[in-house]
C-alpha atoms as a PDB file:
ATOM      1  CA  MET A   1     132.337 134.605  45.403  1.00  0.00           C
ATOM      2  CA  SER A   2     135.546 136.313  44.282  1.00  0.00           C
ATOM      3  CA  GLN A   3     138.626 136.740  46.452  1.00  0.00           C
ATOM      4  CA  ILE A   4     138.664 139.533  48.568  1.00  0.00           C
ATOM      5  CA  THR A   5     142.408 140.935  48.235  1.00  0.00           C
ATOM      6  CA  ALA A   6     145.033 141.685  51.233  1.00  0.00           C
ATOM      7  CA  SER A   7     144.562 145.744  50.152  1.00  0.00           C
ATOM      8  CA  GLU A   8     140.455 145.159  50.361  1.00  0.00           C
ATOM      9  CA  GLN A   9     141.055 143.361  53.559  1.00  0.00           C
ATOM     10  CA  SER A  10     143.158 145.804  55.516  1.00  0.00           C
ATOM     11  CA  THR A  11     140.752 148.451  54.498  1.00  0.00           C
ATOM     12  CA  HIS A  12     137.678 146.402  55.412  1.00  0.00           C
ATOM     13  CA  ARG A  13     139.715 145.980  58.932  1.00  0.00           C
ATOM     14  CA  GLY A  14     139.736 149.970  59.249  1.00  0.00           C
ATOM     15  CA  ASP A  15     143.883 149.912  58.391  1.00  0.00           C
ATOM     16  CA  ASP A  16     143.405 153.285  56.102  1.00  0.00           C
ATOM     17  CA  VAL A  17     145.665 155.063  58.104  1.00  0.00           C
ATOM     18  CA  PRO A  18     149.131 155.520  56.229  1.00  0.00           C
ATOM     19  CA  ARG A  19     151.886 154.057  58.126  1.00  0.00           C
ATOM     20  CA  ASP A  20     154.246 157.227  58.261  1.00  0.00           C
ATOM     21  CA  ALA A  21     151.217 159.378  59.066  1.00  0.00           C
ATOM     22  CA  ASP A  22     152.783 162.653  61.107  1.00  0.00           C
ATOM     23  CA  PHE A  23     151.027 162.373  64.909  1.00  0.00           C
ATOM     24  CA  SER A  24     153.068 165.085  66.268  1.00  0.00           C
ATOM     25  CA  ALA A  25     150.832 167.610  64.223  1.00  0.00           C
ATOM     26  CA  PRO A  26     148.275 168.443  67.140  1.00  0.00           C
ATOM     27  CA  ARG A  27     151.283 169.591  69.546  1.00  0.00           C
ATOM     28  CA  GLN A  28     152.683 172.112  66.464  1.00  0.00           C
ATOM     29  CA  PRO A  29     150.394 174.575  67.765  1.00  0.00           C
ATOM     30  CA  ARG A  30     151.268 174.416  71.240  1.00  0.00           C
ATOM     31  CA  GLN A  31     155.183 174.466  69.944  1.00  0.00           C
ATOM     32  CA  ARG A  32     154.037 177.608  68.046  1.00  0.00           C
ATOM     33  CA  ALA A  33     152.488 178.959  71.026  1.00  0.00           C
ATOM     34  CA  ARG A  34     155.874 178.522  73.176  1.00  0.00           C
ATOM     35  CA  ARG A  35     158.089 180.051  70.499  1.00  0.00           C
ATOM     36  CA  ARG A  36     156.242 182.963  70.525  1.00  0.00           C
ATOM     37  CA  THR A  37     155.884 183.246  74.069  1.00  0.00           C
ATOM     38  CA  LEU A  38     159.766 182.758  74.045  1.00  0.00           C
ATOM     39  CA  LEU A  39     160.527 185.531  71.744  1.00  0.00           C
ATOM     40  CA  VAL A  40     157.999 187.719  73.075  1.00  0.00           C
ATOM     41  CA  ARG A  41     159.740 187.470  76.753  1.00  0.00           C
ATOM     42  CA  GLY A  42     162.918 188.344  74.882  1.00  0.00           C
ATOM     43  CA  ALA A  43     161.933 191.166  73.544  1.00  0.00           C
ATOM     44  CA  GLN A  44     160.580 192.505  76.737  1.00  0.00           C
ATOM     45  CA  LEU A  45     163.660 191.432  78.362  1.00  0.00           C
ATOM     46  CA  GLY A  46     166.201 193.033  75.541  1.00  0.00           C
ATOM     47  CA  LEU A  47     163.561 196.550  75.931  1.00  0.00           C
ATOM     48  CA  VAL A  48     164.508 196.562  79.783  1.00  0.00           C
ATOM     49  CA  VAL A  49     167.687 196.021  78.834  1.00  0.00           C
ATOM     50  CA  LEU A  50     168.041 199.044  76.665  1.00  0.00           C
ATOM     51  CA  TRP A  51     166.616 201.023  78.498  1.00  0.00           C
ATOM     52  CA  LEU A  52     168.533 200.950  81.386  1.00  0.00           C
ATOM     53  CA  VAL A  53     171.489 201.236  79.413  1.00  0.00           C
ATOM     54  CA  LEU A  54     170.122 204.818  77.920  1.00  0.00           C
ATOM     55  CA  TRP A  55     169.767 205.563  81.399  1.00  0.00           C
ATOM     56  CA  ASP A  56     173.092 205.131  82.992  1.00  0.00           C
ATOM     57  CA  LEU A  57     174.263 207.081  80.115  1.00  0.00           C
ATOM     58  CA  THR A  58     171.959 209.667  80.825  1.00  0.00           C
ATOM     59  CA  ALA A  59     173.236 210.337  84.118  1.00  0.00           C
ATOM     60  CA  ARG A  60     177.278 209.201  83.080  1.00  0.00           C
ATOM     61  CA  TYR A  61     177.338 212.313  80.332  1.00  0.00           C
ATOM     62  CA  GLN A  62     174.728 214.570  81.982  1.00  0.00           C
ATOM     63  CA  TRP A  63     172.387 215.021  79.270  1.00  0.00           C
ATOM     64  CA  VAL A  64     169.855 216.075  81.231  1.00  0.00           C
ATOM     65  CA  THR A  65     169.997 218.580  84.381  1.00  0.00           C
ATOM     66  CA  PRO A  66     172.861 217.222  87.187  1.00  0.00           C
ATOM     67  CA  VAL A  67     169.932 217.330  89.903  1.00  0.00           C
ATOM     68  CA  LEU A  68     168.376 214.789  87.562  1.00  0.00           C
ATOM     69  CA  ALA A  69     170.911 213.097  86.147  1.00  0.00           C
ATOM     70  CA  LYS A  70     170.949 209.686  88.953  1.00  0.00           C
ATOM     71  CA  SER A  71     172.294 206.463  87.516  1.00  0.00           C
ATOM     72  CA  PRO A  72     170.756 202.919  87.657  1.00  0.00           C
ATOM     73  CA  LYS A  73     173.928 201.635  90.566  1.00  0.00           C
ATOM     74  CA  GLN A  74     172.750 204.941  92.476  1.00  0.00           C
ATOM     75  CA  SER A  75     169.120 203.667  92.651  1.00  0.00           C
ATOM     76  CA  TRP A  76     170.202 200.290  92.916  1.00  0.00           C
ATOM     77  CA  ASP A  77     172.354 201.186  96.147  1.00  0.00           C
ATOM     78  CA  TYR A  78     169.034 202.890  97.345  1.00  0.00           C
ATOM     79  CA  LEU A  79     167.046 199.870  97.320  1.00  0.00           C
ATOM     80  CA  VAL A  80     169.656 197.536  99.188  1.00  0.00           C
ATOM     81  CA  GLU A  81     169.817 200.711 101.946  1.00  0.00           C
ATOM     82  CA  ALA A  82     166.328 200.914 102.594  1.00  0.00           C
ATOM     83  CA  VAL A  83     165.379 197.265 102.145  1.00  0.00           C
ATOM     84  CA  GLU A  84     168.510 196.740 104.979  1.00  0.00           C
ATOM     85  CA  ASN A  85     166.953 198.977 107.348  1.00  0.00           C
ATOM     86  CA  GLY A  86     163.046 198.250 106.826  1.00  0.00           C
ATOM     87  CA  GLU A  87     161.988 201.737 105.197  1.00  0.00           C
ATOM     88  CA  LEU A  88     161.162 199.773 102.271  1.00  0.00           C
ATOM     89  CA  TRP A  89     159.282 196.972 103.583  1.00  0.00           C
ATOM     90  CA  SER A  90     157.442 198.777 106.206  1.00  0.00           C
ATOM     91  CA  ASN A  91     156.522 201.479 103.630  1.00  0.00           C
ATOM     92  CA  ALA A  92     155.414 199.140 100.884  1.00  0.00           C
ATOM     93  CA  GLN A  93     153.369 197.085 103.451  1.00  0.00           C
ATOM     94  CA  ALA A  94     151.398 200.407 104.615  1.00  0.00           C
ATOM     95  CA  THR A  95     150.508 201.178 100.748  1.00  0.00           C
ATOM     96  CA  MET A  96     149.675 197.641  99.771  1.00  0.00           C
ATOM     97  CA  ILE A  97     146.981 196.704 102.750  1.00  0.00           C
ATOM     98  CA  ALA A  98     145.254 200.595 101.911  1.00  0.00           C
ATOM     99  CA  VAL A  99     145.205 198.872  98.201  1.00  0.00           C
ATOM    100  CA  VAL A 100     144.241 195.713  98.870  1.00  0.00           C
ATOM    101  CA  ILE A 101     141.147 197.358 101.172  1.00  0.00           C
ATOM    102  CA  ALA A 102     139.839 199.689  98.897  1.00  0.00           C
ATOM    103  CA  TRP A 103     139.669 197.290  96.417  1.00  0.00           C
ATOM    104  CA  VAL A 104     137.764 195.027  98.100  1.00  0.00           C
ATOM    105  CA  LEU A 105     135.038 196.968  99.580  1.00  0.00           C
ATOM    106  CA  ALA A 106     134.954 199.391  95.911  1.00  0.00           C
ATOM    107  CA  SER A 107     134.885 196.047  94.236  1.00  0.00           C
ATOM    108  CA  ALA A 108     132.258 194.896  96.183  1.00  0.00           C
ATOM    109  CA  VAL A 109     130.240 197.739  96.286  1.00  0.00           C
ATOM    110  CA  GLY A 110     130.497 198.455  92.479  1.00  0.00           C
ATOM    111  CA  VAL A 111     129.455 195.140  91.530  1.00  0.00           C
ATOM    112  CA  VAL A 112     126.422 195.077  93.444  1.00  0.00           C
ATOM    113  CA  ALA A 113     125.178 198.624  92.207  1.00  0.00           C
ATOM    114  CA  GLY A 114     126.622 198.170  88.709  1.00  0.00           C
ATOM    115  CA  ILE A 115     124.177 194.545  88.344  1.00  0.00           C
ATOM    116  CA  THR A 116     121.117 196.352  90.225  1.00  0.00           C
ATOM    117  CA  LEU A 117     121.478 199.716  87.559  1.00  0.00           C
ATOM    118  CA  GLY A 118     121.824 196.852  84.971  1.00  0.00           C
ATOM    119  CA  LEU A 119     118.669 194.842  86.084  1.00  0.00           C
ATOM    120  CA  LEU A 120     116.403 198.693  87.025  1.00  0.00           C
ATOM    121  CA  PRO A 121     117.059 200.766  83.756  1.00  0.00           C
ATOM    122  CA  THR A 122     114.485 203.458  85.025  1.00  0.00           C
ATOM    123  CA  LEU A 123     116.645 203.287  88.300  1.00  0.00           C
ATOM    124  CA  GLU A 124     119.609 203.573  85.713  1.00  0.00           C
ATOM    125  CA  ARG A 125     118.043 206.371  83.762  1.00  0.00           C
ATOM    126  CA  ILE A 126     117.530 208.460  86.982  1.00  0.00           C
ATOM    127  CA  LEU A 127     120.829 208.026  88.155  1.00  0.00           C
ATOM    128  CA  ALA A 128     123.111 208.673  85.499  1.00  0.00           C
ATOM    129  CA  PRO A 129     123.111 211.735  85.402  1.00  0.00           C
ATOM    130  CA  PHE A 130     124.433 212.172  88.673  1.00  0.00           C
ATOM    131  CA  LEU A 131     126.846 209.290  88.524  1.00  0.00           C
ATOM    132  CA  ASP A 132     128.376 210.838  85.540  1.00  0.00           C
ATOM    133  CA  ALA A 133     128.776 214.273  87.414  1.00  0.00           C
ATOM    134  CA  ALA A 134     130.701 212.350  90.043  1.00  0.00           C
ATOM    135  CA  ASN A 135     132.842 210.256  88.001  1.00  0.00           C
ATOM    136  CA  ALA A 136     133.939 213.540  86.256  1.00  0.00           C
ATOM    137  CA  MET A 137     135.645 214.697  88.906  1.00  0.00           C
ATOM    138  CA  PRO A 138     139.263 214.624  89.350  1.00  0.00           C
ATOM    139  CA  ARG A 139     140.000 212.315  92.609  1.00  0.00           C
ATOM    140  CA  ILE A 140     143.157 213.952  93.360  1.00  0.00           C
ATOM    141  CA  ALA A 141     140.899 217.245  94.076  1.00  0.00           C
ATOM    142  CA  LEU A 142     138.991 215.122  96.939  1.00  0.00           C
ATOM    143  CA  ALA A 143     142.169 214.337  98.497  1.00  0.00           C
ATOM    144  CA  PRO A 144     142.219 217.299 100.826  1.00  0.00           C
ATOM    145  CA  PHE A 145     138.533 216.579 101.357  1.00  0.00           C
ATOM    146  CA  PHE A 146     139.168 212.887 102.793  1.00  0.00           C
ATOM    147  CA  ILE A 147     142.505 213.994 104.521  1.00  0.00           C
ATOM    148  CA  VAL A 148     139.970 216.608 107.056  1.00  0.00           C
ATOM    149  CA  ALA A 149     137.098 213.923 107.135  1.00  0.00           C
ATOM    150  CA  PHE A 150     139.277 210.953 107.538  1.00  0.00           C
ATOM    151  CA  GLY A 151     143.041 212.269 108.644  1.00  0.00           C
ATOM    152  CA  ILE A 152     146.109 211.285 107.910  1.00  0.00           C
ATOM    153  CA  GLY A 153     145.814 207.578 108.004  1.00  0.00           C
ATOM    154  CA  VAL A 154     144.893 204.601 106.086  1.00  0.00           C
ATOM    155  CA  GLN A 155     141.259 205.868 105.860  1.00  0.00           C
ATOM    156  CA  ALA A 156     141.809 208.491 103.653  1.00  0.00           C
ATOM    157  CA  LYS A 157     143.974 206.499 101.200  1.00  0.00           C
ATOM    158  CA  VAL A 158     141.007 204.057 101.081  1.00  0.00           C
ATOM    159  CA  ALA A 159     138.482 206.603 100.567  1.00  0.00           C
ATOM    160  CA  LEU A 160     140.506 208.228  97.385  1.00  0.00           C
ATOM    161  CA  ALA A 161     141.484 204.994  95.693  1.00  0.00           C
ATOM    162  CA  SER A 162     137.683 203.530  96.601  1.00  0.00           C
ATOM    163  CA  THR A 163     136.442 206.419  94.622  1.00  0.00           C
ATOM    164  CA  LEU A 164     138.545 205.456  91.682  1.00  0.00           C
ATOM    165  CA  VAL A 165     137.869 201.814  91.637  1.00  0.00           C
ATOM    166  CA  PHE A 166     134.120 202.283  91.965  1.00  0.00           C
ATOM    167  CA  PHE A 167     132.991 203.920  89.422  1.00  0.00           C
ATOM    168  CA  ILE A 168     135.440 201.143  87.007  1.00  0.00           C
ATOM    169  CA  VAL A 169     133.672 198.165  88.286  1.00  0.00           C
ATOM    170  CA  LEU A 170     130.431 199.981  88.299  1.00  0.00           C
ATOM    171  CA  SER A 171     130.456 200.595  84.886  1.00  0.00           C
ATOM    172  CA  ALA A 172     131.831 197.361  83.552  1.00  0.00           C
ATOM    173  CA  SER A 173     128.973 195.492  85.579  1.00  0.00           C
ATOM    174  CA  ARG A 174     126.501 197.406  84.058  1.00  0.00           C
ATOM    175  CA  ALA A 175     127.469 197.415  80.353  1.00  0.00           C
ATOM    176  CA  GLY A 176     128.199 193.484  81.065  1.00  0.00           C
ATOM    177  CA  VAL A 177     124.456 192.790  82.330  1.00  0.00           C
ATOM    178  CA  ARG A 178     122.820 195.049  79.994  1.00  0.00           C
ATOM    179  CA  SER A 179     124.889 192.826  76.896  1.00  0.00           C
ATOM    180  CA  ALA A 180     122.865 189.739  77.422  1.00  0.00           C
ATOM    181  CA  ASP A 181     121.469 188.866  74.170  1.00  0.00           C
ATOM    182  CA  PRO A 182     117.565 189.644  73.923  1.00  0.00           C
ATOM    183  CA  GLU A 183     116.956 186.309  71.860  1.00  0.00           C
ATOM    184  CA  TRP A 184     118.474 184.738  74.730  1.00  0.00           C
ATOM    185  CA  LEU A 185     116.229 186.167  77.454  1.00  0.00           C
ATOM    186  CA  ARG A 186     113.193 185.822  75.059  1.00  0.00           C
ATOM    187  CA  LEU A 187     113.726 182.099  74.444  1.00  0.00           C
ATOM    188  CA  SER A 188     114.956 181.178  78.336  1.00  0.00           C
ATOM    189  CA  ALA A 189     111.455 183.211  79.030  1.00  0.00           C
ATOM    190  CA  VAL A 190     109.254 181.220  76.580  1.00  0.00           C
ATOM    191  CA  LEU A 191     110.957 177.720  77.929  1.00  0.00           C
ATOM    192  CA  GLY A 192     109.751 178.654  81.176  1.00  0.00           C
ATOM    193  CA  ALA A 193     112.371 180.101  82.837  1.00  0.00           C
ATOM    194  CA  LYS A 194     112.040 182.187  86.198  1.00  0.00           C
ATOM    195  CA  LYS A 195     113.610 185.981  86.372  1.00  0.00           C
ATOM    196  CA  HIS A 196     116.398 184.260  88.926  1.00  0.00           C
ATOM    197  CA  HIS A 197     117.076 181.895  86.660  1.00  0.00           C
ATOM    198  CA  LEU A 198     117.511 184.449  83.665  1.00  0.00           C
ATOM    199  CA  PHE A 199     120.141 186.324  86.118  1.00  0.00           C
ATOM    200  CA  TRP A 200     121.822 183.391  87.221  1.00  0.00           C
ATOM    201  CA  LYS A 201     121.598 181.289  83.913  1.00  0.00           C
ATOM    202  CA  VAL A 202     122.030 183.690  81.680  1.00  0.00           C
ATOM    203  CA  MET A 203     122.839 187.475  82.868  1.00  0.00           C
ATOM    204  CA  LEU A 204     125.458 186.756  84.754  1.00  0.00           C
ATOM    205  CA  PRO A 205     127.327 184.434  82.785  1.00  0.00           C
ATOM    206  CA  VAL A 206     127.258 187.018  80.193  1.00  0.00           C
ATOM    207  CA  ALA A 207     128.531 189.622  82.715  1.00  0.00           C
ATOM    208  CA  THR A 208     131.101 187.632  84.248  1.00  0.00           C
ATOM    209  CA  PRO A 209     134.088 188.239  81.701  1.00  0.00           C
ATOM    210  CA  ALA A 210     133.641 192.220  82.103  1.00  0.00           C
ATOM    211  CA  ILE A 211     133.403 191.779  85.719  1.00  0.00           C
ATOM    212  CA  ILE A 212     136.741 190.202  85.869  1.00  0.00           C
ATOM    213  CA  ALA A 213     138.527 192.582  83.447  1.00  0.00           C
ATOM    214  CA  SER A 214     137.072 195.627  85.604  1.00  0.00           C
ATOM    215  CA  LEU A 215     138.607 194.040  88.715  1.00  0.00           C
ATOM    216  CA  ARG A 216     141.633 193.425  86.948  1.00  0.00           C
ATOM    217  CA  LEU A 217     141.926 197.274  85.762  1.00  0.00           C
ATOM    218  CA  GLY A 218     140.658 198.501  89.146  1.00  0.00           C
ATOM    219  CA  LEU A 219     143.261 196.835  91.224  1.00  0.00           C
ATOM    220  CA  ILE A 220     145.983 199.218  89.329  1.00  0.00           C
ATOM    221  CA  TYR A 221     143.905 201.843  90.141  1.00  0.00           C
ATOM    222  CA  ALA A 222     143.859 201.308  93.637  1.00  0.00           C
ATOM    223  CA  LEU A 223     147.458 201.610  93.338  1.00  0.00           C
ATOM    224  CA  LEU A 224     147.638 204.438  91.884  1.00  0.00           C
ATOM    225  CA  GLY A 225     144.784 205.890  94.482  1.00  0.00           C
ATOM    226  CA  VAL A 226     146.510 204.948  97.407  1.00  0.00           C
ATOM    227  CA  VAL A 227     150.136 206.481  95.987  1.00  0.00           C
ATOM    228  CA  GLY A 228     148.428 209.779  94.553  1.00  0.00           C
ATOM    229  CA  SER A 229     146.905 210.098  98.637  1.00  0.00           C
ATOM    230  CA  GLU A 230     149.927 209.428  99.897  1.00  0.00           C
ATOM    231  CA  LEU A 231     151.642 212.187  97.847  1.00  0.00           C
ATOM    232  CA  ILE A 232     149.250 214.531  99.914  1.00  0.00           C
ATOM    233  CA  ALA A 233     149.470 213.675 103.313  1.00  0.00           C
ATOM    234  CA  ALA A 234     150.129 210.473 104.654  1.00  0.00           C
ATOM    235  CA  GLN A 235     151.846 208.703 108.149  1.00  0.00           C
ATOM    236  CA  ASN A 236     153.728 206.265 105.808  1.00  0.00           C
ATOM    237  CA  GLY A 237     153.711 204.745 102.192  1.00  0.00           C
ATOM    238  CA  LEU A 238     155.408 204.788  99.410  1.00  0.00           C
ATOM    239  CA  GLY A 239     153.781 207.650  98.122  1.00  0.00           C
ATOM    240  CA  GLN A 240     154.706 209.224 101.233  1.00  0.00           C
ATOM    241  CA  LEU A 241     158.626 208.412 100.766  1.00  0.00           C
ATOM    242  CA  ILE A 242     158.574 210.040  97.082  1.00  0.00           C
ATOM    243  CA  ALA A 243     157.339 212.872  98.752  1.00  0.00           C
ATOM    244  CA  LYS A 244     160.036 212.903 101.708  1.00  0.00           C
ATOM    245  CA  TYR A 245     163.033 211.914  98.812  1.00  0.00           C
ATOM    246  CA  SER A 246     161.608 214.366  96.630  1.00  0.00           C
ATOM    247  CA  SER A 247     162.136 217.748  98.789  1.00  0.00           C
ATOM    248  CA  LEU A 248     165.468 216.259  99.508  1.00  0.00           C
ATOM    249  CA  PHE A 249     166.107 216.110  95.860  1.00  0.00           C
ATOM    250  CA  ARG A 250     167.119 212.252  96.565  1.00  0.00           C
ATOM    251  CA  LEU A 251     166.224 211.919  93.053  1.00  0.00           C
ATOM    252  CA  GLU A 252     167.741 208.352  92.861  1.00  0.00           C
ATOM    253  CA  ALA A 253     165.532 206.933  95.581  1.00  0.00           C
ATOM    254  CA  VAL A 254     162.499 208.410  93.600  1.00  0.00           C
ATOM    255  CA  TYR A 255     163.643 206.447  90.744  1.00  0.00           C
ATOM    256  CA  ALA A 256     163.734 203.969  93.052  1.00  0.00           C
ATOM    257  CA  ILE A 257     160.380 203.803  94.637  1.00  0.00           C
ATOM    258  CA  LEU A 258     158.927 204.369  91.576  1.00  0.00           C
ATOM    259  CA  LEU A 259     160.428 201.463  89.297  1.00  0.00           C
ATOM    260  CA  LEU A 260     159.237 199.305  92.690  1.00  0.00           C
ATOM    261  CA  LEU A 261     155.597 200.659  92.096  1.00  0.00           C
ATOM    262  CA  ALA A 262     156.257 199.848  88.316  1.00  0.00           C
ATOM    263  CA  VAL A 263     157.381 196.023  89.607  1.00  0.00           C
ATOM    264  CA  ILE A 264     154.598 195.750  91.911  1.00  0.00           C
ATOM    265  CA  ALA A 265     151.673 197.088  89.147  1.00  0.00           C
ATOM    266  CA  VAL A 266     153.218 194.583  86.806  1.00  0.00           C
ATOM    267  CA  VAL A 267     153.114 191.422  89.623  1.00  0.00           C
ATOM    268  CA  LEU A 268     149.360 192.326  90.421  1.00  0.00           C
ATOM    269  CA  ASN A 269     148.409 192.575  86.890  1.00  0.00           C
ATOM    270  CA  GLN A 270     149.854 189.112  86.040  1.00  0.00           C
ATOM    271  CA  VAL A 271     148.406 187.549  88.780  1.00  0.00           C
ATOM    272  CA  MET A 272     144.925 188.887  88.061  1.00  0.00           C
ATOM    273  CA  ALA A 273     145.593 187.240  84.456  1.00  0.00           C
ATOM    274  CA  VAL A 274     146.204 184.160  85.680  1.00  0.00           C
ATOM    275  CA  VAL A 275     142.651 184.181  87.833  1.00  0.00           C
ATOM    276  CA  GLU A 276     140.981 186.159  85.080  1.00  0.00           C
ATOM    277  CA  ARG A 277     142.487 182.829  82.891  1.00  0.00           C
ATOM    278  CA  ARG A 278     141.164 180.266  85.587  1.00  0.00           C
ATOM    279  CA  LEU A 279     138.177 181.672  86.214  1.00  0.00           C
ATOM    280  CA  LEU A 280     136.940 181.996  82.686  1.00  0.00           C
ATOM    281  CA  ARG A 281     138.176 178.379  81.355  1.00  0.00           C
ATOM    282  CA  TRP A 282     134.640 177.799  80.463  1.00  0.00           C
ATOM    283  CA  GLN A 283     134.804 180.413  77.458  1.00  0.00           C
ATOM    284  CA  PRO A 284     136.067 178.869  74.009  1.00  0.00           C
ATOM    285  CA  PRO A 285     139.777 180.151  73.522  1.00  0.00           C
ATOM    286  CA  ALA A 286     140.113 183.422  71.657  1.00  0.00           C
ATOM    287  CA  ASP A 287     141.640 183.294  68.070  1.00  0.00           C
ATOM    288  CA  HIS A 288     144.937 184.451  67.290  1.00  0.00           C
END
């Protein structure tokens, strides 16, 4: 037999990996994603700084009506004062308690109702016109009714916010269940799956992303509904503070509270985004 050369021996041993191979390639997508995230955060910070500068210039040079021309420093001074005397904390707590109650109750009822309608198409056809009519009603017009029915306590705020959240979650849950692939359902049935197996193994996993997305959106709308109810009549809450300081023409306080509500909405949305990613880890990553 002819002798096997050294290079052939190394090939048979499986030493076909070049010595200068780059093992850092798998890390490159992570590095690109990290740089992209830093770029996005930097751009966002730049927009915030630009907006604050424009706000300050508008107040300083009276580019709008003097009553409206309040500077960022004036709003910040109000925030510091309101935190020190406890006004901001107590009213923010009252608002957030109503938001959480409305979101939990309306989400639970909306998920159950949406899944039920998705599983019972005949019942859905019967109720669809009435649900569409109820959803088309402007919620703020119902605020006086809820205030008369429940008073100016937390019940009226929860009732108004729940009407917003309920229809969002209902529509998403119903659409999510109905989006299950008929071929999957038929194949599962042929393989012997029972109805409850089809629901738990096929329909519910398919509907879960839409349901969680609606819960994320519903939390923001719960905040909008509660603040809207407080603007009309309430014992306490951030919306009531806005109404109070608007009547006193203390616009720096109004701006400060509106900014606080914007920060709360951003925080709630980010928290729900983290929860959504954790609950949907089984999904394949989205292509970018």
